[in-house]
Amino acid sequence: MPYPAVRLRRWRKSPSLRKLIQETKVSVNNLVLPLFVRPGKNIRNPISSMPGQFQFSLDQLLLEIKEAHQLGIKAILVFGIPFKKDEFGREAYAPHGIIQNSIRSIKDKFPDLSVIADCCLCEYTSHGHCGVIHKKKDSFILDNDATLKLLAKIAVSQARAGADLIAPSGMIDGMVKTIRSALDQNGFSDRLILSYSAKYASNFYGPFRDAAEGKPQVGDRKSYQMDFSNWNEALREVAQDLEEGADMVMVKPALCYLDVVHKIKEKFNAPVAAYNVSGEYAMVKAASKNNWLDEKQIILEILTSMKRAGADLIITYHAKEIAKSL
């Protein structure tokens, strides 16, 4: 017999009673903080399209992580901006590349922190795409097999540096199988894979491309990212990645794709991450700057919706802000 609505209304009259029956709660344990690291010293470059976010040199990155760690944040996702870009993104898998050096330093200072390494080429290639491409006048073709070989190198180099989770983000066919095989063959069978399984060709990524300096120089990424109209396709992508060895899957972006998060959680009951992306972050900051909404409350509402939809992890640039209030 359903619980009478009138009794539920009685519970709502008191803030303390409402908390007693609160069904969904965001915890600091659910949060992952994305961070951008670049070469140099004593650098905190503000990202104009993402107020409150920075590109950090490694020394400043460690200070930022120390603060996040003190707030109880237990996981970070690191993106590297290389010394030099080239056609094949060689610094993405260089033994002493920016991301490899950063991971070693982070794990040395914060051994209990979970470090997730972005495993992709877009920040490292001169053309800004997520793999090896062959240009054809004003268009291009992504070479899937050649890209897989480089992703294997990147994953092993990141694991060797100490990354706990490898996060392939390029939506390259077969990327999970290739990375799982490479990790296992090189003695890293204990490392987890967080796959960007349902990554949509979204209009919410603009500020991130400023932050990571990875805007495509030719064409766009629609040929290998998903059409935002589709959710059955997302289920097929997730099924394939789990079969190939993914330990956790991701939906990106989050806010306009909560139905996809819910369907994936319901169908597979696997750990799901939702990425609260740069454009979603920037909209909140812009509205808050104009006093159009209560920033603290809207952030909590947004993140709670992601948790309610089924997300186990929430990757968000708001992580430090919300951790302070939690």
C-alpha atoms as a PDB file:
ATOM      1  CA  MET A   1       0.000   0.000   0.000  1.00  0.00           C
ATOM      2  CA  PRO A   2       1.516   3.409  -0.955  1.00  0.00           C
ATOM      3  CA  TYR A   3       2.627   5.701   1.845  1.00  0.00           C
ATOM      4  CA  PRO A   4      -0.090   8.411   2.124  1.00  0.00           C
ATOM      5  CA  ALA A   5       0.959  11.710   0.575  1.00  0.00           C
ATOM      6  CA  VAL A   6      -0.511  13.658   3.462  1.00  0.00           C
ATOM      7  CA  ARG A   7       1.979  12.023   5.847  1.00  0.00           C
ATOM      8  CA  LEU A   8       4.860  12.932   3.547  1.00  0.00           C
ATOM      9  CA  ARG A   9       3.707  16.523   3.652  1.00  0.00           C
ATOM     10  CA  ARG A  10       3.902  16.464   7.445  1.00  0.00           C
ATOM     11  CA  TRP A  11       7.537  15.381   7.253  1.00  0.00           C
ATOM     12  CA  ARG A  12       8.372  18.368   5.038  1.00  0.00           C
ATOM     13  CA  LYS A  13       7.363  20.981   7.621  1.00  0.00           C
ATOM     14  CA  SER A  14      10.647  20.760   9.552  1.00  0.00           C
ATOM     15  CA  PRO A  15      14.141  21.094   7.984  1.00  0.00           C
ATOM     16  CA  SER A  16      15.557  18.520  10.411  1.00  0.00           C
ATOM     17  CA  LEU A  17      12.751  16.053   9.663  1.00  0.00           C
ATOM     18  CA  ARG A  18      13.177  16.548   5.925  1.00  0.00           C
ATOM     19  CA  LYS A  19      16.815  15.501   6.260  1.00  0.00           C
ATOM     20  CA  LEU A  20      15.764  12.333   8.086  1.00  0.00           C
ATOM     21  CA  ILE A  21      13.894  11.069   5.024  1.00  0.00           C
ATOM     22  CA  GLN A  22      16.156  12.559   2.362  1.00  0.00           C
ATOM     23  CA  GLU A  23      16.509   9.851  -0.292  1.00  0.00           C
ATOM     24  CA  THR A  24      19.562  11.078  -2.199  1.00  0.00           C
ATOM     25  CA  LYS A  25      22.654  12.624  -0.651  1.00  0.00           C
ATOM     26  CA  VAL A  26      25.818  13.840  -2.365  1.00  0.00           C
ATOM     27  CA  SER A  27      28.939  12.955  -0.406  1.00  0.00           C
ATOM     28  CA  VAL A  28      32.456  14.273  -0.760  1.00  0.00           C
ATOM     29  CA  ASN A  29      33.318  10.626  -1.460  1.00  0.00           C
ATOM     30  CA  ASN A  30      31.397  10.911  -4.758  1.00  0.00           C
ATOM     31  CA  LEU A  31      33.465  13.833  -6.073  1.00  0.00           C
ATOM     32  CA  VAL A  32      36.337  13.862  -8.548  1.00  0.00           C
ATOM     33  CA  LEU A  33      38.204  17.134  -9.172  1.00  0.00           C
ATOM     34  CA  PRO A  34      39.520  17.731 -12.723  1.00  0.00           C
ATOM     35  CA  LEU A  35      42.817  19.645 -12.926  1.00  0.00           C
ATOM     36  CA  PHE A  36      45.021  21.027 -15.701  1.00  0.00           C
ATOM     37  CA  VAL A  37      48.815  20.919 -15.457  1.00  0.00           C
ATOM     38  CA  ARG A  38      51.295  22.665 -17.737  1.00  0.00           C
ATOM     39  CA  PRO A  39      55.093  23.161 -17.882  1.00  0.00           C
ATOM     40  CA  GLY A  40      56.776  25.874 -15.856  1.00  0.00           C
ATOM     41  CA  LYS A  41      57.010  27.077 -12.262  1.00  0.00           C
ATOM     42  CA  ASN A  42      54.803  29.235 -10.083  1.00  0.00           C
ATOM     43  CA  ILE A  43      52.055  29.338 -12.745  1.00  0.00           C
ATOM     44  CA  ARG A  44      48.345  29.726 -12.046  1.00  0.00           C
ATOM     45  CA  ASN A  45      46.896  30.822 -15.385  1.00  0.00           C
ATOM     46  CA  PRO A  46      43.223  31.791 -14.982  1.00  0.00           C
ATOM     47  CA  ILE A  47      40.891  30.152 -17.516  1.00  0.00           C
ATOM     48  CA  SER A  48      38.744  33.063 -18.689  1.00  0.00           C
ATOM     49  CA  SER A  49      35.759  30.939 -19.730  1.00  0.00           C
ATOM     50  CA  MET A  50      35.853  28.950 -16.455  1.00  0.00           C
ATOM     51  CA  PRO A  51      35.994  31.469 -13.575  1.00  0.00           C
ATOM     52  CA  GLY A  52      37.816  30.016 -10.572  1.00  0.00           C
ATOM     53  CA  GLN A  53      39.690  27.401 -12.628  1.00  0.00           C
ATOM     54  CA  PHE A  54      43.369  27.509 -13.605  1.00  0.00           C
ATOM     55  CA  GLN A  55      46.148  25.929 -15.578  1.00  0.00           C
ATOM     56  CA  PHE A  56      48.738  24.987 -12.935  1.00  0.00           C
ATOM     57  CA  SER A  57      52.443  24.391 -13.067  1.00  0.00           C
ATOM     58  CA  LEU A  58      53.327  21.279 -11.068  1.00  0.00           C
ATOM     59  CA  ASP A  59      54.386  23.164  -7.911  1.00  0.00           C
ATOM     60  CA  GLN A  60      51.065  25.045  -7.855  1.00  0.00           C
ATOM     61  CA  LEU A  61      49.131  21.919  -8.758  1.00  0.00           C
ATOM     62  CA  LEU A  62      50.438  20.203  -5.636  1.00  0.00           C
ATOM     63  CA  LEU A  63      49.239  23.116  -3.503  1.00  0.00           C
ATOM     64  CA  GLU A  64      45.805  22.920  -5.112  1.00  0.00           C
ATOM     65  CA  ILE A  65      45.653  19.174  -4.488  1.00  0.00           C
ATOM     66  CA  LYS A  66      46.704  19.670  -0.869  1.00  0.00           C
ATOM     67  CA  GLU A  67      43.721  21.948  -0.317  1.00  0.00           C
ATOM     68  CA  ALA A  68      41.352  19.541  -2.067  1.00  0.00           C
ATOM     69  CA  HIS A  69      42.756  16.632  -0.060  1.00  0.00           C
ATOM     70  CA  GLN A  70      42.178  18.518   3.195  1.00  0.00           C
ATOM     71  CA  LEU A  71      38.558  19.021   2.162  1.00  0.00           C
ATOM     72  CA  GLY A  72      38.156  15.253   1.896  1.00  0.00           C
ATOM     73  CA  ILE A  73      38.294  14.905  -1.893  1.00  0.00           C
ATOM     74  CA  LYS A  74      39.707  11.474  -2.614  1.00  0.00           C
ATOM     75  CA  ALA A  75      40.164  11.475  -6.399  1.00  0.00           C
ATOM     76  CA  ILE A  76      41.425  13.806  -9.100  1.00  0.00           C
ATOM     77  CA  LEU A  77      41.398  13.648 -12.899  1.00  0.00           C
ATOM     78  CA  VAL A  78      44.511  15.186 -14.473  1.00  0.00           C
ATOM     79  CA  PHE A  79      44.876  16.672 -17.951  1.00  0.00           C
ATOM     80  CA  GLY A  80      48.283  17.615 -19.332  1.00  0.00           C
ATOM     81  CA  ILE A  81      49.249  20.521 -21.553  1.00  0.00           C
ATOM     82  CA  PRO A  82      52.541  19.494 -23.155  1.00  0.00           C
ATOM     83  CA  PHE A  83      55.849  21.253 -23.714  1.00  0.00           C
ATOM     84  CA  LYS A  84      55.380  20.777 -27.446  1.00  0.00           C
ATOM     85  CA  LYS A  85      52.653  19.414 -29.718  1.00  0.00           C
ATOM     86  CA  ASP A  86      53.220  17.369 -32.854  1.00  0.00           C
ATOM     87  CA  GLU A  87      51.232  15.396 -35.402  1.00  0.00           C
ATOM     88  CA  PHE A  88      51.329  12.176 -33.355  1.00  0.00           C
ATOM     89  CA  GLY A  89      51.137  13.623 -29.829  1.00  0.00           C
ATOM     90  CA  ARG A  90      54.419  12.025 -28.773  1.00  0.00           C
ATOM     91  CA  GLU A  91      54.533  13.810 -25.413  1.00  0.00           C
ATOM     92  CA  ALA A  92      51.368  11.993 -24.370  1.00  0.00           C
ATOM     93  CA  TYR A  93      53.425   8.822 -23.867  1.00  0.00           C
ATOM     94  CA  ALA A  94      56.892  10.283 -23.194  1.00  0.00           C
ATOM     95  CA  PRO A  95      58.423   8.750 -20.025  1.00  0.00           C
ATOM     96  CA  HIS A  96      59.027  12.236 -18.617  1.00  0.00           C
ATOM     97  CA  GLY A  97      56.107  14.019 -20.224  1.00  0.00           C
ATOM     98  CA  ILE A  98      54.138  16.610 -18.285  1.00  0.00           C
ATOM     99  CA  ILE A  99      51.450  14.164 -17.170  1.00  0.00           C
ATOM    100  CA  GLN A 100      53.868  11.356 -16.254  1.00  0.00           C
ATOM    101  CA  ASN A 101      56.035  13.662 -14.113  1.00  0.00           C
ATOM    102  CA  SER A 102      52.926  15.115 -12.497  1.00  0.00           C
ATOM    103  CA  ILE A 103      51.473  11.719 -11.597  1.00  0.00           C
ATOM    104  CA  ARG A 104      54.749  10.638  -9.970  1.00  0.00           C
ATOM    105  CA  SER A 105      54.880  13.794  -7.869  1.00  0.00           C
ATOM    106  CA  ILE A 106      51.215  13.582  -6.875  1.00  0.00           C
ATOM    107  CA  LYS A 107      51.480   9.943  -5.775  1.00  0.00           C
ATOM    108  CA  ASP A 108      54.681  10.732  -3.878  1.00  0.00           C
ATOM    109  CA  LYS A 109      53.000  13.550  -1.914  1.00  0.00           C
ATOM    110  CA  PHE A 110      49.514  12.037  -1.631  1.00  0.00           C
ATOM    111  CA  PRO A 111      49.824   8.240  -1.833  1.00  0.00           C
ATOM    112  CA  ASP A 112      46.231   7.656  -0.687  1.00  0.00           C
ATOM    113  CA  LEU A 113      44.748   9.930  -3.355  1.00  0.00           C
ATOM    114  CA  SER A 114      43.226   8.180  -6.378  1.00  0.00           C
ATOM    115  CA  VAL A 115      44.748   9.616  -9.546  1.00  0.00           C
ATOM    116  CA  ILE A 116      42.775   9.252 -12.772  1.00  0.00           C
ATOM    117  CA  ALA A 117      44.812   9.916 -15.905  1.00  0.00           C
ATOM    118  CA  ASP A 118      43.165  11.174 -19.075  1.00  0.00           C
ATOM    119  CA  CYS A 119      44.305   8.810 -21.812  1.00  0.00           C
ATOM    120  CA  CYS A 120      43.904  10.699 -25.059  1.00  0.00           C
ATOM    121  CA  LEU A 121      45.849  12.593 -27.703  1.00  0.00           C
ATOM    122  CA  CYS A 122      43.803  15.750 -28.314  1.00  0.00           C
ATOM    123  CA  GLU A 123      45.825  17.979 -25.950  1.00  0.00           C
ATOM    124  CA  TYR A 124      49.098  16.698 -27.422  1.00  0.00           C
ATOM    125  CA  THR A 125      48.482  16.751 -31.176  1.00  0.00           C
ATOM    126  CA  SER A 126      49.128  19.783 -33.342  1.00  0.00           C
ATOM    127  CA  HIS A 127      45.809  19.184 -35.131  1.00  0.00           C
ATOM    128  CA  GLY A 128      43.782  18.834 -31.904  1.00  0.00           C
ATOM    129  CA  HIS A 129      42.144  15.494 -32.689  1.00  0.00           C
ATOM    130  CA  CYS A 130      41.992  12.427 -30.445  1.00  0.00           C
ATOM    131  CA  GLY A 131      44.167  10.222 -32.632  1.00  0.00           C
ATOM    132  CA  VAL A 132      46.209   9.842 -35.777  1.00  0.00           C
ATOM    133  CA  ILE A 133      44.543  11.580 -38.701  1.00  0.00           C
ATOM    134  CA  HIS A 134      45.006  11.731 -42.445  1.00  0.00           C
ATOM    135  CA  LYS A 135      43.985  15.093 -43.885  1.00  0.00           C
ATOM    136  CA  LYS A 136      41.936  15.347 -47.076  1.00  0.00           C
ATOM    137  CA  LYS A 137      41.600  18.982 -48.181  1.00  0.00           C
ATOM    138  CA  ASP A 138      39.253  20.534 -45.582  1.00  0.00           C
ATOM    139  CA  SER A 139      38.390  17.206 -43.925  1.00  0.00           C
ATOM    140  CA  PHE A 140      40.189  14.288 -42.325  1.00  0.00           C
ATOM    141  CA  ILE A 141      40.020  10.571 -41.628  1.00  0.00           C
ATOM    142  CA  LEU A 142      40.887   9.232 -38.175  1.00  0.00           C
ATOM    143  CA  ASP A 143      43.130   6.173 -38.366  1.00  0.00           C
ATOM    144  CA  ASN A 144      41.575   3.953 -35.710  1.00  0.00           C
ATOM    145  CA  ASP A 145      44.186   1.183 -35.649  1.00  0.00           C
ATOM    146  CA  ALA A 146      47.158   3.555 -35.557  1.00  0.00           C
ATOM    147  CA  THR A 147      45.484   5.459 -32.741  1.00  0.00           C
ATOM    148  CA  LEU A 148      44.973   2.294 -30.689  1.00  0.00           C
ATOM    149  CA  LYS A 149      48.720   1.601 -30.760  1.00  0.00           C
ATOM    150  CA  LEU A 150      49.419   5.048 -29.329  1.00  0.00           C
ATOM    151  CA  LEU A 151      46.705   4.726 -26.665  1.00  0.00           C
ATOM    152  CA  ALA A 152      48.375   1.527 -25.470  1.00  0.00           C
ATOM    153  CA  LYS A 153      51.668   3.403 -25.086  1.00  0.00           C
ATOM    154  CA  ILE A 154      49.976   6.264 -23.228  1.00  0.00           C
ATOM    155  CA  ALA A 155      48.173   3.926 -20.824  1.00  0.00           C
ATOM    156  CA  VAL A 156      51.309   1.971 -19.941  1.00  0.00           C
ATOM    157  CA  SER A 157      53.340   5.160 -19.423  1.00  0.00           C
ATOM    158  CA  GLN A 158      50.654   6.549 -17.110  1.00  0.00           C
ATOM    159  CA  ALA A 159      50.384   3.300 -15.145  1.00  0.00           C
ATOM    160  CA  ARG A 160      54.164   3.161 -14.842  1.00  0.00           C
ATOM    161  CA  ALA A 161      54.094   6.705 -13.404  1.00  0.00           C
ATOM    162  CA  GLY A 162      51.590   5.579 -10.764  1.00  0.00           C
ATOM    163  CA  ALA A 163      48.099   6.347 -12.100  1.00  0.00           C
ATOM    164  CA  ASP A 164      45.383   4.333 -10.352  1.00  0.00           C
ATOM    165  CA  LEU A 165      42.796   4.611 -13.119  1.00  0.00           C
ATOM    166  CA  ILE A 166      43.318   5.046 -16.838  1.00  0.00           C
ATOM    167  CA  ALA A 167      40.535   7.025 -18.502  1.00  0.00           C
ATOM    168  CA  PRO A 168      40.447   6.711 -22.315  1.00  0.00           C
ATOM    169  CA  SER A 169      38.364   9.630 -23.552  1.00  0.00           C
ATOM    170  CA  GLY A 170      38.602   9.542 -27.352  1.00  0.00           C
ATOM    171  CA  MET A 171      35.699   7.182 -28.180  1.00  0.00           C
ATOM    172  CA  ILE A 172      38.091   5.165 -30.354  1.00  0.00           C
ATOM    173  CA  ASP A 173      36.722   1.756 -31.363  1.00  0.00           C
ATOM    174  CA  GLY A 174      38.437  -1.014 -29.373  1.00  0.00           C
ATOM    175  CA  MET A 175      40.231   1.347 -26.997  1.00  0.00           C
ATOM    176  CA  VAL A 176      39.292  -0.514 -23.799  1.00  0.00           C
ATOM    177  CA  LYS A 177      40.333  -3.926 -25.126  1.00  0.00           C
ATOM    178  CA  THR A 178      43.641  -2.526 -26.376  1.00  0.00           C
ATOM    179  CA  ILE A 179      44.433  -0.698 -23.132  1.00  0.00           C
ATOM    180  CA  ARG A 180      43.415  -3.637 -20.928  1.00  0.00           C
ATOM    181  CA  SER A 181      45.674  -5.953 -22.910  1.00  0.00           C
ATOM    182  CA  ALA A 182      48.608  -3.512 -22.801  1.00  0.00           C
ATOM    183  CA  LEU A 183      48.256  -2.957 -19.047  1.00  0.00           C
ATOM    184  CA  ASP A 184      48.038  -6.695 -18.323  1.00  0.00           C
ATOM    185  CA  GLN A 185      51.026  -7.542 -20.519  1.00  0.00           C
ATOM    186  CA  ASN A 186      53.165  -4.920 -18.782  1.00  0.00           C
ATOM    187  CA  GLY A 187      52.401  -5.992 -15.220  1.00  0.00           C
ATOM    188  CA  PHE A 188      49.606  -3.514 -14.456  1.00  0.00           C
ATOM    189  CA  SER A 189      46.644  -5.858 -14.177  1.00  0.00           C
ATOM    190  CA  ASP A 190      45.691  -4.101 -10.928  1.00  0.00           C
ATOM    191  CA  ARG A 191      45.035  -0.762 -12.683  1.00  0.00           C
ATOM    192  CA  LEU A 192      41.454   0.147 -13.409  1.00  0.00           C
ATOM    193  CA  ILE A 193      39.931   1.532 -16.590  1.00  0.00           C
ATOM    194  CA  LEU A 194      37.348   4.305 -16.449  1.00  0.00           C
ATOM    195  CA  SER A 195      36.061   4.495 -20.010  1.00  0.00           C
ATOM    196  CA  TYR A 196      34.368   7.507 -21.571  1.00  0.00           C
ATOM    197  CA  SER A 197      31.855   5.046 -22.980  1.00  0.00           C
ATOM    198  CA  ALA A 198      29.024   7.478 -23.755  1.00  0.00           C
ATOM    199  CA  LYS A 199      30.783  10.679 -24.784  1.00  0.00           C
ATOM    200  CA  TYR A 200      28.538  12.867 -26.866  1.00  0.00           C
ATOM    201  CA  ALA A 201      29.538  15.377 -29.552  1.00  0.00           C
ATOM    202  CA  SER A 202      28.297  18.166 -27.331  1.00  0.00           C
ATOM    203  CA  ASN A 203      28.142  21.935 -27.479  1.00  0.00           C
ATOM    204  CA  PHE A 204      29.052  22.100 -23.783  1.00  0.00           C
ATOM    205  CA  TYR A 205      32.802  21.508 -24.286  1.00  0.00           C
ATOM    206  CA  GLY A 206      33.878  24.979 -25.422  1.00  0.00           C
ATOM    207  CA  PRO A 207      35.476  26.208 -22.170  1.00  0.00           C
ATOM    208  CA  PHE A 208      37.371  22.918 -21.732  1.00  0.00           C
ATOM    209  CA  ARG A 209      39.032  23.416 -25.103  1.00  0.00           C
ATOM    210  CA  ASP A 210      40.325  26.760 -23.813  1.00  0.00           C
ATOM    211  CA  ALA A 211      41.566  25.091 -20.635  1.00  0.00           C
ATOM    212  CA  ALA A 212      43.281  22.151 -22.320  1.00  0.00           C
ATOM    213  CA  GLU A 213      44.309  24.083 -25.440  1.00  0.00           C
ATOM    214  CA  GLY A 214      42.941  21.248 -27.558  1.00  0.00           C
ATOM    215  CA  LYS A 215      40.584  22.793 -30.100  1.00  0.00           C
ATOM    216  CA  PRO A 216      40.520  20.840 -33.414  1.00  0.00           C
ATOM    217  CA  GLN A 217      42.373  22.686 -36.152  1.00  0.00           C
ATOM    218  CA  VAL A 218      40.397  20.963 -38.906  1.00  0.00           C
ATOM    219  CA  GLY A 219      36.808  19.697 -38.830  1.00  0.00           C
ATOM    220  CA  ASP A 220      35.195  18.516 -35.587  1.00  0.00           C
ATOM    221  CA  ARG A 221      34.926  15.340 -33.513  1.00  0.00           C
ATOM    222  CA  LYS A 222      31.455  14.252 -34.573  1.00  0.00           C
ATOM    223  CA  SER A 223      32.840  11.346 -36.592  1.00  0.00           C
ATOM    224  CA  TYR A 224      33.984   9.568 -33.410  1.00  0.00           C
ATOM    225  CA  GLN A 225      31.830  11.075 -30.665  1.00  0.00           C
ATOM    226  CA  MET A 226      28.138  10.256 -30.252  1.00  0.00           C
ATOM    227  CA  ASP A 227      25.087  12.001 -31.688  1.00  0.00           C
ATOM    228  CA  PHE A 228      23.336  13.728 -28.791  1.00  0.00           C
ATOM    229  CA  SER A 229      19.972  12.397 -30.045  1.00  0.00           C
ATOM    230  CA  ASN A 230      20.855   8.772 -29.244  1.00  0.00           C
ATOM    231  CA  TRP A 231      20.634   6.701 -26.107  1.00  0.00           C
ATOM    232  CA  ASN A 232      20.337   3.150 -27.499  1.00  0.00           C
ATOM    233  CA  GLU A 233      23.735   3.732 -29.043  1.00  0.00           C
ATOM    234  CA  ALA A 234      25.046   4.631 -25.571  1.00  0.00           C
ATOM    235  CA  LEU A 235      23.839   1.281 -24.225  1.00  0.00           C
ATOM    236  CA  ARG A 236      25.655  -0.534 -27.021  1.00  0.00           C
ATOM    237  CA  GLU A 237      28.860   1.428 -26.388  1.00  0.00           C
ATOM    238  CA  VAL A 238      28.725   0.689 -22.656  1.00  0.00           C
ATOM    239  CA  ALA A 239      28.032  -3.008 -23.253  1.00  0.00           C
ATOM    240  CA  GLN A 240      31.052  -3.241 -25.537  1.00  0.00           C
ATOM    241  CA  ASP A 241      33.363  -1.423 -23.125  1.00  0.00           C
ATOM    242  CA  LEU A 242      32.308  -3.562 -20.163  1.00  0.00           C
ATOM    243  CA  GLU A 243      32.811  -6.701 -22.231  1.00  0.00           C
ATOM    244  CA  GLU A 244      36.290  -5.482 -23.235  1.00  0.00           C
ATOM    245  CA  GLY A 245      37.291  -4.950 -19.614  1.00  0.00           C
ATOM    246  CA  ALA A 246      36.184  -1.491 -18.419  1.00  0.00           C
ATOM    247  CA  ASP A 247      35.852  -1.313 -14.642  1.00  0.00           C
ATOM    248  CA  MET A 248      33.738   1.829 -14.737  1.00  0.00           C
ATOM    249  CA  VAL A 249      31.913   3.724 -17.486  1.00  0.00           C
ATOM    250  CA  MET A 250      31.241   7.416 -17.976  1.00  0.00           C
ATOM    251  CA  VAL A 251      28.530   9.599 -19.425  1.00  0.00           C
ATOM    252  CA  LYS A 252      29.716  12.978 -20.706  1.00  0.00           C
ATOM    253  CA  PRO A 253      28.232  15.594 -20.457  1.00  0.00           C
ATOM    254  CA  ALA A 254      26.020  14.978 -17.457  1.00  0.00           C
ATOM    255  CA  LEU A 255      23.246  17.504 -17.042  1.00  0.00           C
ATOM    256  CA  CYS A 256      21.449  17.029 -20.382  1.00  0.00           C
ATOM    257  CA  TYR A 257      22.118  13.265 -20.298  1.00  0.00           C
ATOM    258  CA  LEU A 258      20.745  12.171 -16.929  1.00  0.00           C
ATOM    259  CA  ASP A 259      18.315   9.850 -18.707  1.00  0.00           C
ATOM    260  CA  VAL A 260      21.339   8.093 -20.216  1.00  0.00           C
ATOM    261  CA  VAL A 261      23.023   7.834 -16.805  1.00  0.00           C
ATOM    262  CA  HIS A 262      19.853   6.286 -15.385  1.00  0.00           C
ATOM    263  CA  LYS A 263      19.355   3.810 -18.233  1.00  0.00           C
ATOM    264  CA  ILE A 264      22.987   2.648 -18.029  1.00  0.00           C
ATOM    265  CA  LYS A 265      22.836   2.184 -14.264  1.00  0.00           C
ATOM    266  CA  GLU A 266      19.523   0.366 -14.506  1.00  0.00           C
ATOM    267  CA  LYS A 267      20.592  -1.979 -17.299  1.00  0.00           C
ATOM    268  CA  PHE A 268      24.181  -2.824 -16.278  1.00  0.00           C
ATOM    269  CA  ASN A 269      24.399  -1.991 -12.556  1.00  0.00           C
ATOM    270  CA  ALA A 270      28.072  -1.159 -13.149  1.00  0.00           C
ATOM    271  CA  PRO A 271      29.886   1.792 -11.552  1.00  0.00           C
ATOM    272  CA  VAL A 272      28.928   4.925 -13.503  1.00  0.00           C
ATOM    273  CA  ALA A 273      30.650   8.313 -13.574  1.00  0.00           C
ATOM    274  CA  ALA A 274      28.935  11.494 -14.734  1.00  0.00           C
ATOM    275  CA  TYR A 275      31.115  14.344 -16.002  1.00  0.00           C
ATOM    276  CA  ASN A 276      29.703  17.752 -15.035  1.00  0.00           C
ATOM    277  CA  VAL A 277      31.505  19.447 -17.915  1.00  0.00           C
ATOM    278  CA  SER A 278      33.012  22.884 -18.475  1.00  0.00           C
ATOM    279  CA  GLY A 279      30.013  24.422 -20.245  1.00  0.00           C
ATOM    280  CA  GLU A 280      27.691  23.342 -17.438  1.00  0.00           C
ATOM    281  CA  TYR A 281      30.115  24.852 -14.925  1.00  0.00           C
ATOM    282  CA  ALA A 282      30.458  28.101 -16.914  1.00  0.00           C
ATOM    283  CA  MET A 283      26.663  28.600 -17.127  1.00  0.00           C
ATOM    284  CA  VAL A 284      26.325  28.412 -13.344  1.00  0.00           C
ATOM    285  CA  LYS A 285      29.204  30.843 -12.852  1.00  0.00           C
ATOM    286  CA  ALA A 286      27.770  33.329 -15.374  1.00  0.00           C
ATOM    287  CA  ALA A 287      24.294  33.234 -13.823  1.00  0.00           C
ATOM    288  CA  SER A 288      25.739  33.552 -10.332  1.00  0.00           C
ATOM    289  CA  LYS A 289      27.853  36.561 -11.341  1.00  0.00           C
ATOM    290  CA  ASN A 290      24.641  38.292 -12.433  1.00  0.00           C
ATOM    291  CA  ASN A 291      22.847  37.318  -9.195  1.00  0.00           C
ATOM    292  CA  TRP A 292      20.296  35.299 -11.154  1.00  0.00           C
ATOM    293  CA  LEU A 293      20.523  32.315  -8.820  1.00  0.00           C
ATOM    294  CA  ASP A 294      21.942  31.091  -5.519  1.00  0.00           C
ATOM    295  CA  GLU A 295      25.207  29.500  -6.648  1.00  0.00           C
ATOM    296  CA  LYS A 296      25.752  27.248  -3.627  1.00  0.00           C
ATOM    297  CA  GLN A 297      22.213  25.871  -3.721  1.00  0.00           C
ATOM    298  CA  ILE A 298      22.096  25.393  -7.490  1.00  0.00           C
ATOM    299  CA  ILE A 299      25.380  23.456  -7.465  1.00  0.00           C
ATOM    300  CA  LEU A 300      24.027  21.116  -4.800  1.00  0.00           C
ATOM    301  CA  GLU A 301      20.779  20.675  -6.741  1.00  0.00           C
ATOM    302  CA  ILE A 302      22.625  19.897  -9.981  1.00  0.00           C
ATOM    303  CA  LEU A 303      24.994  17.385  -8.381  1.00  0.00           C
ATOM    304  CA  THR A 304      22.145  15.759  -6.463  1.00  0.00           C
ATOM    305  CA  SER A 305      20.283  15.229  -9.744  1.00  0.00           C
ATOM    306  CA  MET A 306      23.311  13.353 -11.078  1.00  0.00           C
ATOM    307  CA  LYS A 307      23.501  11.169  -7.988  1.00  0.00           C
ATOM    308  CA  ARG A 308      19.744  10.576  -8.108  1.00  0.00           C
ATOM    309  CA  ALA A 309      20.005   9.487 -11.749  1.00  0.00           C
ATOM    310  CA  GLY A 310      22.465   6.782 -10.733  1.00  0.00           C
ATOM    311  CA  ALA A 311      25.965   8.280 -10.877  1.00  0.00           C
ATOM    312  CA  ASP A 312      28.429   6.762  -8.428  1.00  0.00           C
ATOM    313  CA  LEU A 313      31.148   9.292  -9.209  1.00  0.00           C
ATOM    314  CA  ILE A 314      30.632  12.916 -10.202  1.00  0.00           C
ATOM    315  CA  ILE A 315      33.513  14.601 -11.990  1.00  0.00           C
ATOM    316  CA  THR A 316      32.986  18.301 -11.386  1.00  0.00           C
ATOM    317  CA  TYR A 317      34.889  21.589 -11.337  1.00  0.00           C
ATOM    318  CA  HIS A 318      32.631  22.520  -8.412  1.00  0.00           C
ATOM    319  CA  ALA A 319      34.217  19.793  -6.267  1.00  0.00           C
ATOM    320  CA  LYS A 320      36.097  22.074  -3.859  1.00  0.00           C
ATOM    321  CA  GLU A 321      33.147  24.451  -3.496  1.00  0.00           C
ATOM    322  CA  ILE A 322      30.641  21.753  -2.692  1.00  0.00           C
ATOM    323  CA  ALA A 323      33.107  19.850  -0.467  1.00  0.00           C
ATOM    324  CA  LYS A 324      33.336  22.907   1.790  1.00  0.00           C
ATOM    325  CA  SER A 325      29.575  22.962   2.327  1.00  0.00           C
ATOM    326  CA  LEU A 326      29.272  19.173   2.648  1.00  0.00           C
END
